[in-house]
Amino acid sequence: MRTRKRYKLDRVTAVPLENRPASWTFAGTAMRGTEASYVVTDGNYASGNRWEFIVRIPDDSRARVEVRPKVVPPKKVWDELTDRSLTFMPATKPAARGKWYCQVAFADATGEKSKSVVSNDDRKALPHWFAPLARRMRRKEAVRPTRGTDGNALVILVKAGDHQDMIRLFFATKVWVLAEGVVI
């Protein structure tokens, strides 16, 4: 897929601000844990590149870690991103144990829905900025048992607690996808 800009994940840098105890709800369930704040700079842009993110780490080690922007640059295409998040779960299958994964779910550039889940079959259609992630991509059923129909969904593995990488994946699946109008 051709895009106008040559986005690179390593140009996204996150500087920690503070960690504090917090409570929140996720999918209607009350959660408690720690909220880590970060100032993020997207070096792929010369200006309008300052973001603030929060990473919510639940006390329950089996629950989802949530990554979401708190403050976004003033660009209309990114206005809705403060209402979006990327979540990470622990991988439980032996080959991926000790790592966390997130489903590759693009922000919907058409505006018809909130996200578009990418299947393993669509790997070759991913934008160029996913190339460095190819070795960490798996089918969901390879990292965690699945009871639903999402076993063929594409997921990306990260090291446990690597918030910088988690934030970079938010940019890859949401920010740049909206900026470029990527639809798979």
Foldseek 3Di string as FASTA:
>chain_A
DDFDFDFALVQKDKDWDDKDWDWDDDPRRIFTDIKIKIWIARNSDPPQGTWIKIWGDTPPLQDKIKIATPDGRPDVLCVCRNVDIWIWGAFDDPVRHQKIKTFQWAQQLVPPDGTHFAFLVCVVVADPNCVVQVVQKDQNCRRHNDDDDRRRTIMGIDHPPPVSVRVSSCCRRYVVCNVRVDDD
